[in-house]
Amino acid sequence: MEQKMVNIRSPHARLTQRKFVASAISTAALAGMTHAKAVDLVSGYW
């Protein structure tokens, strides 16, 4: 069974602007978590 993961996110994780600190932090954290989860899925951990 093939598993797929799609992550749609804001560009503020890498390209942020002034007064977008909270958005940049949460977006980057979500992107990192999604990436780590995808690596686990590929390696068969789950």
N, C-alpha and C. Protein backbone atom coordinates (compact mmCIF):
# COMPACT_ATOMS: atom_id res chain seq x y z
N MET A 1 0.84 -1.18 0.00
CA MET A 1 0.00 0.00 0.00
C MET A 1 0.89 1.25 0.00
N GLU A 2 0.68 2.09 -0.97
CA GLU A 2 1.48 3.32 -1.08
C GLU A 2 0.86 4.41 -0.22
N GLN A 3 1.71 5.08 0.55
CA GLN A 3 1.23 6.16 1.41
C GLN A 3 1.77 7.48 0.89
N LYS A 4 0.94 8.50 0.93
CA LYS A 4 1.34 9.82 0.48
C LYS A 4 1.00 10.85 1.54
N MET A 5 1.82 11.89 1.59
CA MET A 5 1.58 12.97 2.53
C MET A 5 1.72 14.28 1.77
N VAL A 6 0.75 15.16 1.94
CA VAL A 6 0.77 16.46 1.28
C VAL A 6 0.81 17.53 2.36
N ASN A 7 1.73 18.47 2.21
CA ASN A 7 1.85 19.56 3.17
C ASN A 7 1.71 20.87 2.41
N ILE A 8 0.62 21.58 2.66
CA ILE A 8 0.40 22.89 2.05
C ILE A 8 0.65 23.91 3.14
N ARG A 9 1.61 24.81 2.90
CA ARG A 9 1.97 25.74 3.95
C ARG A 9 2.25 27.13 3.40
N SER A 10 2.35 28.04 4.30
CA SER A 10 2.64 29.42 3.99
C SER A 10 4.14 29.58 3.71
N PRO A 11 4.52 30.53 2.88
CA PRO A 11 5.95 30.77 2.63
C PRO A 11 6.67 31.41 3.81
N HIS A 12 5.95 31.77 4.87
CA HIS A 12 6.57 32.44 6.01
C HIS A 12 7.51 31.55 6.81
N ALA A 13 7.53 30.27 6.55
CA ALA A 13 8.46 29.40 7.26
C ALA A 13 9.90 29.75 6.89
N ARG A 14 10.12 30.17 5.65
CA ARG A 14 11.48 30.52 5.21
C ARG A 14 11.61 31.97 4.80
N LEU A 15 10.57 32.53 4.24
CA LEU A 15 10.61 33.92 3.76
C LEU A 15 9.62 34.74 4.57
N THR A 16 10.07 35.26 5.66
CA THR A 16 9.15 35.99 6.53
C THR A 16 9.37 37.49 6.43
N GLN A 17 8.48 38.22 7.07
CA GLN A 17 8.54 39.68 7.08
C GLN A 17 8.44 40.16 8.52
N ARG A 18 8.62 41.44 8.69
CA ARG A 18 8.47 42.00 10.03
C ARG A 18 7.06 41.75 10.55
N LYS A 19 6.96 41.54 11.83
CA LYS A 19 5.68 41.33 12.54
C LYS A 19 5.00 40.01 12.16
N PHE A 20 5.76 39.07 11.60
CA PHE A 20 5.22 37.75 11.29
C PHE A 20 5.97 36.66 12.06
N VAL A 21 6.56 37.02 13.20
CA VAL A 21 7.38 36.08 13.95
C VAL A 21 6.57 34.86 14.39
N ALA A 22 5.42 35.07 14.97
CA ALA A 22 4.61 33.94 15.45
C ALA A 22 4.20 33.04 14.30
N SER A 23 3.81 33.63 13.20
CA SER A 23 3.42 32.83 12.03
C SER A 23 4.61 32.06 11.49
N ALA A 24 5.77 32.69 11.42
CA ALA A 24 6.97 32.02 10.90
C ALA A 24 7.38 30.86 11.79
N ILE A 25 7.33 31.05 13.09
CA ILE A 25 7.72 29.99 14.03
C ILE A 25 6.77 28.80 13.93
N SER A 26 5.48 29.05 13.95
CA SER A 26 4.52 27.94 13.91
C SER A 26 4.54 27.23 12.56
N THR A 27 4.71 27.98 11.48
CA THR A 27 4.77 27.37 10.15
C THR A 27 6.01 26.52 10.00
N ALA A 28 7.15 27.01 10.48
CA ALA A 28 8.39 26.24 10.41
C ALA A 28 8.30 24.97 11.26
N ALA A 29 7.68 25.08 12.42
CA ALA A 29 7.52 23.90 13.29
C ALA A 29 6.63 22.86 12.63
N LEU A 30 5.55 23.29 12.03
CA LEU A 30 4.65 22.36 11.34
C LEU A 30 5.33 21.71 10.15
N ALA A 31 6.11 22.49 9.40
CA ALA A 31 6.85 21.94 8.26
C ALA A 31 7.87 20.90 8.73
N GLY A 32 8.56 21.18 9.81
CA GLY A 32 9.54 20.23 10.35
C GLY A 32 8.88 18.95 10.84
N MET A 33 7.75 19.08 11.51
CA MET A 33 7.04 17.91 12.00
C MET A 33 6.54 17.05 10.84
N THR A 34 6.00 17.70 9.82
CA THR A 34 5.50 16.97 8.66
C THR A 34 6.63 16.25 7.94
N HIS A 35 7.77 16.90 7.82
CA HIS A 35 8.93 16.28 7.17
C HIS A 35 9.39 15.05 7.97
N ALA A 36 9.49 15.19 9.28
CA ALA A 36 9.92 14.07 10.12
C ALA A 36 8.94 12.91 10.04
N LYS A 37 7.66 13.21 10.02
CA LYS A 37 6.63 12.17 9.90
C LYS A 37 6.73 11.46 8.56
N ALA A 38 7.00 12.20 7.49
CA ALA A 38 7.14 11.60 6.16
C ALA A 38 8.35 10.67 6.12
N VAL A 39 9.44 11.07 6.77
CA VAL A 39 10.63 10.20 6.82
C VAL A 39 10.29 8.91 7.55
N ASP A 40 9.55 9.01 8.65
CA ASP A 40 9.14 7.80 9.38
C ASP A 40 8.25 6.91 8.54
N LEU A 41 7.35 7.50 7.76
CA LEU A 41 6.46 6.69 6.91
C LEU A 41 7.26 5.95 5.84
N VAL A 42 8.24 6.63 5.26
CA VAL A 42 9.05 6.00 4.21
C VAL A 42 9.89 4.87 4.78
N SER A 43 10.40 5.06 5.99
CA SER A 43 11.28 4.05 6.59
C SER A 43 10.49 2.88 7.18
N GLY A 44 9.17 2.99 7.21
CA GLY A 44 8.35 1.91 7.72
C GLY A 44 8.21 1.89 9.24
N TYR A 45 8.55 2.99 9.88
CA TYR A 45 8.46 3.05 11.35
C TYR A 45 7.02 2.93 11.82
N TRP A 46 6.10 3.54 11.11
CA TRP A 46 4.69 3.49 11.52
C TRP A 46 4.06 2.33 10.85
